[in-house]
All heavy atoms as atom14 arrays in JSON, in Angstrom:
{
  "sequence": "TYAMGWFRQAPGQEREFVARISYAGDNTYYTDSVKGRFTISRDNAENK",
  "atom14_mask": [
    [1, 1, 1, 1, 1, 1, 1, 0, 0, 0, 0, 0, 0, 0],
    [1, 1, 1, 1, 1, 1, 1, 1, 1, 1, 1, 1, 0, 0],
    [1, 1, 1, 1, 1, 0, 0, 0, 0, 0, 0, 0, 0, 0],
    [1, 1, 1, 1, 1, 1, 1, 1, 0, 0, 0, 0, 0, 0],
    [1, 1, 1, 1, 0, 0, 0, 0, 0, 0, 0, 0, 0, 0],
    [1, 1, 1, 1, 1, 1, 1, 1, 1, 1, 1, 1, 1, 1],
    [1, 1, 1, 1, 1, 1, 1, 1, 1, 1, 1, 0, 0, 0],
    [1, 1, 1, 1, 1, 1, 1, 1, 1, 1, 1, 0, 0, 0],
    [1, 1, 1, 1, 1, 1, 1, 1, 1, 0, 0, 0, 0, 0],
    [1, 1, 1, 1, 1, 0, 0, 0, 0, 0, 0, 0, 0, 0],
    [1, 1, 1, 1, 1, 1, 1, 0, 0, 0, 0, 0, 0, 0],
    [1, 1, 1, 1, 0, 0, 0, 0, 0, 0, 0, 0, 0, 0],
    [1, 1, 1, 1, 1, 1, 1, 1, 1, 0, 0, 0, 0, 0],
    [1, 1, 1, 1, 1, 1, 1, 1, 1, 0, 0, 0, 0, 0],
    [1, 1, 1, 1, 1, 1, 1, 1, 1, 1, 1, 0, 0, 0],
    [1, 1, 1, 1, 1, 1, 1, 1, 1, 0, 0, 0, 0, 0],
    [1, 1, 1, 1, 1, 1, 1, 1, 1, 1, 1, 0, 0, 0],
    [1, 1, 1, 1, 1, 1, 1, 0, 0, 0, 0, 0, 0, 0],
    [1, 1, 1, 1, 1, 0, 0, 0, 0, 0, 0, 0, 0, 0],
    [1, 1, 1, 1, 1, 1, 1, 1, 1, 1, 1, 0, 0, 0],
    [1, 1, 1, 1, 1, 1, 1, 1, 0, 0, 0, 0, 0, 0],
    [1, 1, 1, 1, 1, 1, 0, 0, 0, 0, 0, 0, 0, 0],
    [1, 1, 1, 1, 1, 1, 1, 1, 1, 1, 1, 1, 0, 0],
    [1, 1, 1, 1, 1, 0, 0, 0, 0, 0, 0, 0, 0, 0],
    [1, 1, 1, 1, 0, 0, 0, 0, 0, 0, 0, 0, 0, 0],
    [1, 1, 1, 1, 1, 1, 1, 1, 0, 0, 0, 0, 0, 0],
    [1, 1, 1, 1, 1, 1, 1, 1, 0, 0, 0, 0, 0, 0],
    [1, 1, 1, 1, 1, 1, 1, 0, 0, 0, 0, 0, 0, 0],
    [1, 1, 1, 1, 1, 1, 1, 1, 1, 1, 1, 1, 0, 0],
    [1, 1, 1, 1, 1, 1, 1, 1, 1, 1, 1, 1, 0, 0],
    [1, 1, 1, 1, 1, 1, 1, 0, 0, 0, 0, 0, 0, 0],
    [1, 1, 1, 1, 1, 1, 1, 1, 0, 0, 0, 0, 0, 0],
    [1, 1, 1, 1, 1, 1, 0, 0, 0, 0, 0, 0, 0, 0],
    [1, 1, 1, 1, 1, 1, 1, 0, 0, 0, 0, 0, 0, 0],
    [1, 1, 1, 1, 1, 1, 1, 1, 1, 0, 0, 0, 0, 0],
    [1, 1, 1, 1, 0, 0, 0, 0, 0, 0, 0, 0, 0, 0],
    [1, 1, 1, 1, 1, 1, 1, 1, 1, 1, 1, 0, 0, 0],
    [1, 1, 1, 1, 1, 1, 1, 1, 1, 1, 1, 0, 0, 0],
    [1, 1, 1, 1, 1, 1, 1, 0, 0, 0, 0, 0, 0, 0],
    [1, 1, 1, 1, 1, 1, 1, 1, 0, 0, 0, 0, 0, 0],
    [1, 1, 1, 1, 1, 1, 0, 0, 0, 0, 0, 0, 0, 0],
    [1, 1, 1, 1, 1, 1, 1, 1, 1, 1, 1, 0, 0, 0],
    [1, 1, 1, 1, 1, 1, 1, 1, 0, 0, 0, 0, 0, 0],
    [1, 1, 1, 1, 1, 1, 1, 1, 0, 0, 0, 0, 0, 0],
    [1, 1, 1, 1, 1, 0, 0, 0, 0, 0, 0, 0, 0, 0],
    [1, 1, 1, 1, 1, 1, 1, 1, 1, 0, 0, 0, 0, 0],
    [1, 1, 1, 1, 1, 1, 1, 1, 0, 0, 0, 0, 0, 0],
    [1, 1, 1, 1, 1, 1, 1, 1, 1, 0, 0, 0, 0, 0]
  ],
  "atom14_positions": [
    [[0.81, -1.23, 0.02], [0.01, 0.0, -0.02], [0.83, 1.24, 0.0], [0.33, 2.38, -0.1], [-0.91, 0.02, 1.18], [-0.18, 0.33, 2.42], [-1.69, -1.29, 1.37], [0.0, 0.0, 0.0], [0.0, 0.0, 0.0], [0.0, 0.0, 0.0], [0.0, 0.0, 0.0], [0.0, 0.0, 0.0], [0.0, 0.0, 0.0], [0.0, 0.0, 0.0]],
    [[2.16, 1.13, 0.14], [3.08, 2.28, 0.21], [3.59, 2.67, -1.19], [3.92, 1.88, -1.98], [4.29, 1.99, 1.11], [4.02, 1.66, 2.52], [4.97, 1.0, 3.29], [2.83, 1.96, 3.12], [4.7, 0.65, 4.59], [2.58, 1.66, 4.42], [3.5, 1.01, 5.18], [3.34, 0.7, 6.51], [0.0, 0.0, 0.0], [0.0, 0.0, 0.0]],
    [[3.67, 4.01, -1.37], [4.44, 4.55, -2.45], [5.91, 4.46, -2.0], [6.22, 4.57, -0.8], [4.08, 5.96, -2.83], [0.0, 0.0, 0.0], [0.0, 0.0, 0.0], [0.0, 0.0, 0.0], [0.0, 0.0, 0.0], [0.0, 0.0, 0.0], [0.0, 0.0, 0.0], [0.0, 0.0, 0.0], [0.0, 0.0, 0.0], [0.0, 0.0, 0.0]],
    [[6.81, 4.26, -2.99], [8.21, 4.09, -2.64], [9.07, 5.11, -3.54], [8.67, 5.41, -4.64], [8.73, 2.69, -2.95], [8.01, 1.59, -2.12], [8.32, 1.7, -0.38], [10.14, 1.43, -0.32], [0.0, 0.0, 0.0], [0.0, 0.0, 0.0], [0.0, 0.0, 0.0], [0.0, 0.0, 0.0], [0.0, 0.0, 0.0], [0.0, 0.0, 0.0]],
    [[10.16, 5.54, -2.95], [11.0, 6.45, -3.66], [12.46, 6.24, -3.44], [12.87, 5.56, -2.47], [0.0, 0.0, 0.0], [0.0, 0.0, 0.0], [0.0, 0.0, 0.0], [0.0, 0.0, 0.0], [0.0, 0.0, 0.0], [0.0, 0.0, 0.0], [0.0, 0.0, 0.0], [0.0, 0.0, 0.0], [0.0, 0.0, 0.0], [0.0, 0.0, 0.0]],
    [[13.24, 6.75, -4.37], [14.72, 6.75, -4.21], [15.15, 8.21, -4.2], [14.73, 9.01, -5.06], [15.43, 6.03, -5.33], [15.3, 4.54, -5.28], [14.42, 3.71, -5.92], [16.17, 3.68, -4.49], [14.68, 2.42, -5.64], [15.7, 2.36, -4.7], [17.22, 3.86, -3.62], [16.28, 1.2, -4.16], [17.83, 2.78, -3.07], [17.36, 1.49, -3.26]],
    [[16.04, 8.56, -3.26], [16.62, 9.89, -3.19], [18.18, 9.68, -3.12], [18.61, 8.52, -2.87], [16.24, 10.57, -1.89], [14.84, 11.08, -1.97], [13.74, 10.19, -1.79], [14.49, 12.39, -2.12], [12.41, 10.59, -1.78], [13.21, 12.85, -2.11], [12.18, 11.97, -1.97], [0.0, 0.0, 0.0], [0.0, 0.0, 0.0], [0.0, 0.0, 0.0]],
    [[18.95, 10.75, -3.36], [20.35, 10.59, -3.31], [20.96, 11.89, -2.71], [20.41, 12.92, -2.78], [21.02, 10.23, -4.65], [20.8, 11.41, -5.71], [21.32, 10.92, -7.03], [21.26, 11.89, -8.11], [21.55, 11.71, -9.41], [21.85, 10.48, -9.78], [21.37, 12.68, -10.27], [0.0, 0.0, 0.0], [0.0, 0.0, 0.0], [0.0, 0.0, 0.0]],
    [[22.15, 11.74, -2.08], [22.83, 12.9, -1.52], [24.29, 12.81, -1.75], [24.97, 11.9, -1.33], [22.57, 12.96, -0.02], [23.04, 14.23, 0.67], [22.45, 14.4, 2.03], [22.07, 13.43, 2.69], [22.48, 15.59, 2.56], [0.0, 0.0, 0.0], [0.0, 0.0, 0.0], [0.0, 0.0, 0.0], [0.0, 0.0, 0.0], [0.0, 0.0, 0.0]],
    [[24.83, 13.76, -2.57], [26.23, 13.85, -2.84], [26.95, 14.71, -1.76], [26.3, 15.41, -0.99], [26.45, 14.53, -4.18], [0.0, 0.0, 0.0], [0.0, 0.0, 0.0], [0.0, 0.0, 0.0], [0.0, 0.0, 0.0], [0.0, 0.0, 0.0], [0.0, 0.0, 0.0], [0.0, 0.0, 0.0], [0.0, 0.0, 0.0], [0.0, 0.0, 0.0]],
    [[28.25, 14.48, -1.57], [28.99, 15.26, -0.51], [28.8, 16.68, -0.62], [28.94, 17.33, -1.72], [30.44, 14.8, -0.82], [30.32, 13.48, -1.45], [29.14, 13.55, -2.3], [0.0, 0.0, 0.0], [0.0, 0.0, 0.0], [0.0, 0.0, 0.0], [0.0, 0.0, 0.0], [0.0, 0.0, 0.0], [0.0, 0.0, 0.0], [0.0, 0.0, 0.0]],
    [[28.37, 17.35, 0.47], [28.17, 18.78, 0.43], [26.94, 19.3, -0.1], [26.73, 20.49, -0.24], [0.0, 0.0, 0.0], [0.0, 0.0, 0.0], [0.0, 0.0, 0.0], [0.0, 0.0, 0.0], [0.0, 0.0, 0.0], [0.0, 0.0, 0.0], [0.0, 0.0, 0.0], [0.0, 0.0, 0.0], [0.0, 0.0, 0.0], [0.0, 0.0, 0.0]],
    [[26.1, 18.37, -0.61], [24.85, 18.73, -1.26], [23.65, 18.27, -0.43], [23.75, 17.48, 0.47], [24.75, 18.04, -2.66], [25.88, 18.47, -3.57], [25.9, 19.9, -3.91], [24.88, 20.44, -4.19], [27.11, 20.47, -3.93], [0.0, 0.0, 0.0], [0.0, 0.0, 0.0], [0.0, 0.0, 0.0], [0.0, 0.0, 0.0], [0.0, 0.0, 0.0]],
    [[22.5, 18.84, -0.71], [21.24, 18.48, -0.05], [20.72, 17.21, -0.76], [21.02, 16.89, -1.86], [20.22, 19.59, -0.17], [20.63, 20.86, 0.62], [19.5, 21.87, 0.65], [18.52, 21.72, -0.16], [19.59, 22.83, 1.38], [0.0, 0.0, 0.0], [0.0, 0.0, 0.0], [0.0, 0.0, 0.0], [0.0, 0.0, 0.0], [0.0, 0.0, 0.0]],
    [[19.89, 16.47, 0.0], [19.28, 15.31, -0.56], [18.29, 15.65, -1.63], [17.53, 16.61, -1.55], [18.54, 14.56, 0.59], [18.06, 13.23, 0.16], [17.55, 12.38, 1.46], [18.63, 12.27, 2.42], [18.55, 11.56, 3.52], [17.39, 10.96, 3.84], [19.55, 11.47, 4.32], [0.0, 0.0, 0.0], [0.0, 0.0, 0.0], [0.0, 0.0, 0.0]],
    [[18.41, 14.91, -2.73], [17.51, 15.25, -3.91], [16.75, 13.99, -4.37], [17.18, 12.86, -4.18], [18.38, 15.72, -5.09], [19.32, 14.71, -5.7], [19.93, 15.16, -7.05], [19.42, 16.16, -7.61], [20.87, 14.51, -7.52], [0.0, 0.0, 0.0], [0.0, 0.0, 0.0], [0.0, 0.0, 0.0], [0.0, 0.0, 0.0], [0.0, 0.0, 0.0]],
    [[15.56, 14.27, -4.86], [14.7, 13.23, -5.38], [15.27, 12.62, -6.67], [15.87, 13.3, -7.53], [13.39, 13.87, -5.76], [12.47, 13.0, -6.58], [11.76, 11.93, -6.02], [12.34, 13.14, -7.91], [10.96, 11.14, -6.74], [11.53, 12.36, -8.7], [10.83, 11.33, -8.11], [0.0, 0.0, 0.0], [0.0, 0.0, 0.0], [0.0, 0.0, 0.0]],
    [[15.18, 11.31, -6.73], [15.58, 10.53, -7.98], [14.44, 9.93, -8.69], [14.23, 10.16, -9.91], [16.67, 9.49, -7.63], [17.02, 8.68, -8.83], [17.83, 10.1, -7.0], [0.0, 0.0, 0.0], [0.0, 0.0, 0.0], [0.0, 0.0, 0.0], [0.0, 0.0, 0.0], [0.0, 0.0, 0.0], [0.0, 0.0, 0.0], [0.0, 0.0, 0.0]],
    [[13.61, 9.12, -8.02], [12.51, 8.41, -8.66], [11.5, 8.0, -7.63], [11.85, 7.85, -6.4], [13.05, 7.16, -9.41], [0.0, 0.0, 0.0], [0.0, 0.0, 0.0], [0.0, 0.0, 0.0], [0.0, 0.0, 0.0], [0.0, 0.0, 0.0], [0.0, 0.0, 0.0], [0.0, 0.0, 0.0], [0.0, 0.0, 0.0], [0.0, 0.0, 0.0]],
    [[10.27, 7.79, -8.06], [9.26, 7.26, -7.17], [8.37, 6.3, -7.96], [8.29, 6.33, -9.16], [8.35, 8.37, -6.64], [7.55, 9.18, -7.64], [6.25, 9.6, -7.07], [5.5, 10.55, -7.98], [4.67, 10.04, -8.88], [4.48, 8.82, -9.08], [4.07, 10.95, -9.7], [0.0, 0.0, 0.0], [0.0, 0.0, 0.0], [0.0, 0.0, 0.0]],
    [[7.65, 5.45, -7.26], [6.67, 4.48, -7.87], [5.51, 4.35, -6.98], [5.61, 4.37, -5.71], [7.46, 3.14, -8.06], [6.61, 2.14, -8.86], [7.87, 2.52, -6.7], [7.36, 1.01, -9.38], [0.0, 0.0, 0.0], [0.0, 0.0, 0.0], [0.0, 0.0, 0.0], [0.0, 0.0, 0.0], [0.0, 0.0, 0.0], [0.0, 0.0, 0.0]],
    [[4.34, 4.29, -7.57], [3.09, 4.12, -6.85], [3.02, 2.78, -6.18], [3.75, 1.85, -6.44], [1.92, 4.36, -7.72], [1.88, 3.41, -8.78], [0.0, 0.0, 0.0], [0.0, 0.0, 0.0], [0.0, 0.0, 0.0], [0.0, 0.0, 0.0], [0.0, 0.0, 0.0], [0.0, 0.0, 0.0], [0.0, 0.0, 0.0], [0.0, 0.0, 0.0]],
    [[2.03, 2.65, -5.29], [1.85, 1.39, -4.53], [1.69, 0.09, -5.43], [2.16, -0.96, -5.05], [0.68, 1.49, -3.58], [-0.69, 1.5, -4.23], [-1.45, 0.27, -4.31], [-1.23, 2.66, -4.78], [-2.69, 0.26, -4.92], [-2.46, 2.6, -5.35], [-3.17, 1.44, -5.45], [-4.44, 1.42, -6.06], [0.0, 0.0, 0.0], [0.0, 0.0, 0.0]],
    [[1.01, 0.31, -6.61], [0.8, -0.87, -7.42], [1.82, -1.04, -8.5], [1.81, -1.99, -9.31], [-0.55, -0.72, -8.07], [0.0, 0.0, 0.0], [0.0, 0.0, 0.0], [0.0, 0.0, 0.0], [0.0, 0.0, 0.0], [0.0, 0.0, 0.0], [0.0, 0.0, 0.0], [0.0, 0.0, 0.0], [0.0, 0.0, 0.0], [0.0, 0.0, 0.0]],
    [[2.8, -0.03, -8.61], [3.85, -0.14, -9.61], [3.44, 0.35, -10.95], [4.23, 0.17, -11.91], [0.0, 0.0, 0.0], [0.0, 0.0, 0.0], [0.0, 0.0, 0.0], [0.0, 0.0, 0.0], [0.0, 0.0, 0.0], [0.0, 0.0, 0.0], [0.0, 0.0, 0.0], [0.0, 0.0, 0.0], [0.0, 0.0, 0.0], [0.0, 0.0, 0.0]],
    [[2.23, 0.94, -11.07], [1.81, 1.31, -12.4], [2.01, 2.77, -12.79], [1.66, 3.15, -13.86], [0.31, 0.98, -12.55], [-0.53, 1.68, -11.49], [0.0, 2.16, -10.51], [-1.75, 1.68, -11.71], [0.0, 0.0, 0.0], [0.0, 0.0, 0.0], [0.0, 0.0, 0.0], [0.0, 0.0, 0.0], [0.0, 0.0, 0.0], [0.0, 0.0, 0.0]],
    [[2.68, 3.48, -11.85], [2.94, 4.91, -12.07], [4.28, 5.24, -11.57], [4.57, 5.02, -10.36], [1.88, 5.78, -11.38], [2.01, 7.31, -11.74], [2.61, 7.64, -12.78], [1.49, 8.12, -10.86], [0.0, 0.0, 0.0], [0.0, 0.0, 0.0], [0.0, 0.0, 0.0], [0.0, 0.0, 0.0], [0.0, 0.0, 0.0], [0.0, 0.0, 0.0]],
    [[5.19, 5.75, -12.45], [6.51, 6.1, -12.03], [6.81, 7.51, -12.47], [6.21, 7.99, -13.39], [7.6, 5.13, -12.65], [7.52, 5.2, -14.07], [7.34, 3.68, -12.21], [0.0, 0.0, 0.0], [0.0, 0.0, 0.0], [0.0, 0.0, 0.0], [0.0, 0.0, 0.0], [0.0, 0.0, 0.0], [0.0, 0.0, 0.0], [0.0, 0.0, 0.0]],
    [[7.8, 8.14, -11.77], [8.24, 9.47, -12.08], [9.73, 9.62, -11.75], [10.16, 9.08, -10.75], [7.37, 10.43, -11.29], [7.69, 11.9, -11.6], [7.18, 12.5, -12.76], [8.45, 12.68, -10.75], [7.44, 13.82, -13.05], [8.67, 14.04, -11.01], [8.22, 14.58, -12.21], [8.42, 15.93, -12.47], [0.0, 0.0, 0.0], [0.0, 0.0, 0.0]],
    [[10.43, 10.34, -12.61], [11.9, 10.52, -12.45], [12.32, 11.95, -12.53], [11.68, 12.77, -13.2], [12.64, 9.74, -13.57], [12.3, 8.27, -13.62], [11.21, 7.74, -14.34], [13.07, 7.33, -12.9], [10.92, 6.48, -14.45], [12.81, 5.96, -13.02], [11.73, 5.54, -13.77], [11.44, 4.19, -13.84], [0.0, 0.0, 0.0], [0.0, 0.0, 0.0]],
    [[13.38, 12.23, -11.88], [14.04, 13.58, -12.06], [14.64, 13.55, -13.47], [15.0, 12.52, -14.02], [15.06, 13.82, -10.97], [15.45, 15.21, -11.07], [16.31, 12.94, -11.19], [0.0, 0.0, 0.0], [0.0, 0.0, 0.0], [0.0, 0.0, 0.0], [0.0, 0.0, 0.0], [0.0, 0.0, 0.0], [0.0, 0.0, 0.0], [0.0, 0.0, 0.0]],
    [[14.69, 14.75, -14.09], [15.14, 14.82, -15.49], [16.44, 14.27, -15.75], [16.72, 13.72, -16.81], [15.09, 16.32, -15.92], [13.66, 16.88, -16.12], [12.76, 16.09, -16.2], [13.6, 18.1, -16.17], [0.0, 0.0, 0.0], [0.0, 0.0, 0.0], [0.0, 0.0, 0.0], [0.0, 0.0, 0.0], [0.0, 0.0, 0.0], [0.0, 0.0, 0.0]],
    [[17.4, 14.36, -14.83], [18.8, 13.96, -15.01], [18.94, 12.5, -15.19], [19.95, 12.0, -15.68], [19.67, 14.47, -13.96], [19.38, 13.91, -12.7], [0.0, 0.0, 0.0], [0.0, 0.0, 0.0], [0.0, 0.0, 0.0], [0.0, 0.0, 0.0], [0.0, 0.0, 0.0], [0.0, 0.0, 0.0], [0.0, 0.0, 0.0], [0.0, 0.0, 0.0]],
    [[17.94, 11.63, -14.79], [18.08, 10.22, -14.86], [17.06, 9.6, -15.75], [17.12, 8.37, -16.05], [17.89, 9.59, -13.49], [18.88, 10.16, -12.47], [16.48, 9.59, -13.0], [0.0, 0.0, 0.0], [0.0, 0.0, 0.0], [0.0, 0.0, 0.0], [0.0, 0.0, 0.0], [0.0, 0.0, 0.0], [0.0, 0.0, 0.0], [0.0, 0.0, 0.0]],
    [[16.14, 10.35, -16.4], [15.15, 9.84, -17.37], [15.87, 9.13, -18.49], [16.81, 9.64, -19.09], [14.28, 10.94, -17.86], [13.28, 11.49, -16.82], [12.42, 12.53, -17.46], [11.44, 13.05, -16.41], [10.63, 14.19, -16.94], [0.0, 0.0, 0.0], [0.0, 0.0, 0.0], [0.0, 0.0, 0.0], [0.0, 0.0, 0.0], [0.0, 0.0, 0.0]],
    [[15.4, 7.96, -18.82], [15.97, 7.18, -19.85], [17.18, 6.36, -19.5], [17.63, 5.47, -20.3], [0.0, 0.0, 0.0], [0.0, 0.0, 0.0], [0.0, 0.0, 0.0], [0.0, 0.0, 0.0], [0.0, 0.0, 0.0], [0.0, 0.0, 0.0], [0.0, 0.0, 0.0], [0.0, 0.0, 0.0], [0.0, 0.0, 0.0], [0.0, 0.0, 0.0]],
    [[17.7, 6.56, -18.33], [18.81, 5.81, -17.86], [18.49, 4.94, -16.66], [19.03, 3.82, -16.5], [19.99, 6.66, -17.43], [20.52, 7.57, -18.56], [21.79, 8.28, -18.19], [21.6, 9.23, -17.06], [22.2, 9.13, -15.91], [23.09, 8.14, -15.66], [21.94, 10.0, -14.92], [0.0, 0.0, 0.0], [0.0, 0.0, 0.0], [0.0, 0.0, 0.0]],
    [[17.69, 5.4, -15.7], [17.31, 4.7, -14.47], [15.89, 4.2, -14.6], [15.06, 4.83, -15.18], [17.42, 5.61, -13.24], [18.76, 6.05, -12.9], [19.89, 5.75, -13.66], [18.99, 6.72, -11.69], [21.19, 6.14, -13.3], [20.26, 7.12, -11.32], [21.33, 6.85, -12.11], [0.0, 0.0, 0.0], [0.0, 0.0, 0.0], [0.0, 0.0, 0.0]],
    [[15.65, 3.1, -13.94], [14.25, 2.51, -13.91], [13.98, 2.05, -12.51], [14.74, 1.27, -11.92], [14.15, 1.32, -14.82], [14.46, 1.73, -16.22], [12.7, 0.8, -14.82], [0.0, 0.0, 0.0], [0.0, 0.0, 0.0], [0.0, 0.0, 0.0], [0.0, 0.0, 0.0], [0.0, 0.0, 0.0], [0.0, 0.0, 0.0], [0.0, 0.0, 0.0]],
    [[12.86, 2.53, -11.9], [12.45, 2.1, -10.63], [11.38, 1.05, -10.82], [10.51, 1.16, -11.71], [11.92, 3.29, -9.77], [11.6, 2.83, -8.31], [10.69, 3.93, -10.45], [11.21, 3.95, -7.43], [0.0, 0.0, 0.0], [0.0, 0.0, 0.0], [0.0, 0.0, 0.0], [0.0, 0.0, 0.0], [0.0, 0.0, 0.0], [0.0, 0.0, 0.0]],
    [[11.39, 0.02, -10.0], [10.37, -1.07, -10.07], [10.19, -1.66, -8.7], [10.92, -1.38, -7.71], [10.86, -2.13, -11.08], [12.06, -2.77, -10.65], [0.0, 0.0, 0.0], [0.0, 0.0, 0.0], [0.0, 0.0, 0.0], [0.0, 0.0, 0.0], [0.0, 0.0, 0.0], [0.0, 0.0, 0.0], [0.0, 0.0, 0.0], [0.0, 0.0, 0.0]],
    [[9.12, -2.47, -8.56], [8.9, -3.1, -7.23], [8.27, -4.47, -7.41], [7.69, -4.8, -8.42], [7.93, -2.18, -6.43], [6.52, -2.1, -6.97], [5.68, -1.01, -6.28], [5.61, -1.25, -4.86], [5.3, -0.36, -3.9], [5.12, 0.9, -4.24], [5.22, -0.74, -2.6], [0.0, 0.0, 0.0], [0.0, 0.0, 0.0], [0.0, 0.0, 0.0]],
    [[8.49, -5.25, -6.4], [7.97, -6.57, -6.28], [7.23, -6.68, -4.98], [7.86, -6.96, -3.95], [9.02, -7.69, -6.41], [8.55, -9.12, -6.47], [7.36, -9.34, -6.08], [9.25, -10.0, -6.91], [0.0, 0.0, 0.0], [0.0, 0.0, 0.0], [0.0, 0.0, 0.0], [0.0, 0.0, 0.0], [0.0, 0.0, 0.0], [0.0, 0.0, 0.0]],
    [[5.96, -6.47, -5.0], [5.23, -6.46, -3.8], [5.12, -7.8, -3.04], [5.02, -7.89, -1.86], [3.79, -5.94, -4.02], [3.74, -4.42, -4.29], [4.73, -3.75, -3.99], [2.66, -3.94, -4.74], [0.0, 0.0, 0.0], [0.0, 0.0, 0.0], [0.0, 0.0, 0.0], [0.0, 0.0, 0.0], [0.0, 0.0, 0.0], [0.0, 0.0, 0.0]],
    [[5.22, -8.87, -3.81], [5.27, -10.23, -3.22], [6.49, -10.45, -2.31], [6.43, -11.19, -1.39], [5.13, -11.28, -4.3], [0.0, 0.0, 0.0], [0.0, 0.0, 0.0], [0.0, 0.0, 0.0], [0.0, 0.0, 0.0], [0.0, 0.0, 0.0], [0.0, 0.0, 0.0], [0.0, 0.0, 0.0], [0.0, 0.0, 0.0], [0.0, 0.0, 0.0]],
    [[7.59, -9.76, -2.65], [8.82, -9.9, -1.9], [9.14, -8.68, -1.05], [10.2, -8.65, -0.4], [10.02, -10.17, -2.86], [9.88, -11.47, -3.63], [11.11, -11.8, -4.4], [12.14, -11.01, -4.26], [11.17, -12.81, -5.03], [0.0, 0.0, 0.0], [0.0, 0.0, 0.0], [0.0, 0.0, 0.0], [0.0, 0.0, 0.0], [0.0, 0.0, 0.0]],
    [[8.28, -7.68, -1.03], [8.48, -6.43, -0.27], [9.76, -5.79, -0.6], [10.62, -5.42, 0.16], [8.47, -6.76, 1.27], [7.11, -6.77, 1.85], [6.08, -7.06, 1.11], [6.97, -6.6, 3.12], [0.0, 0.0, 0.0], [0.0, 0.0, 0.0], [0.0, 0.0, 0.0], [0.0, 0.0, 0.0], [0.0, 0.0, 0.0], [0.0, 0.0, 0.0]],
    [[10.0, -5.58, -1.95], [11.26, -5.04, -2.42], [10.97, -4.0, -3.5], [10.01, -4.14, -4.26], [12.2, -6.12, -2.99], [12.72, -7.08, -1.96], [13.75, -8.04, -2.57], [14.41, -9.0, -1.55], [15.31, -9.93, -2.14], [0.0, 0.0, 0.0], [0.0, 0.0, 0.0], [0.0, 0.0, 0.0], [0.0, 0.0, 0.0], [0.0, 0.0, 0.0]]
  ]
}
């Protein structure tokens, strides 16, 4: 039932958004710098 996200933080920088995925895995969103390169996914049966 949870939405999940990935964030990242480089040295000396603030934490920034990378990607998110809806609870069912049918809706994803990415920051512009990773679009086309990164893919977020989930396996609810394995809680991952």
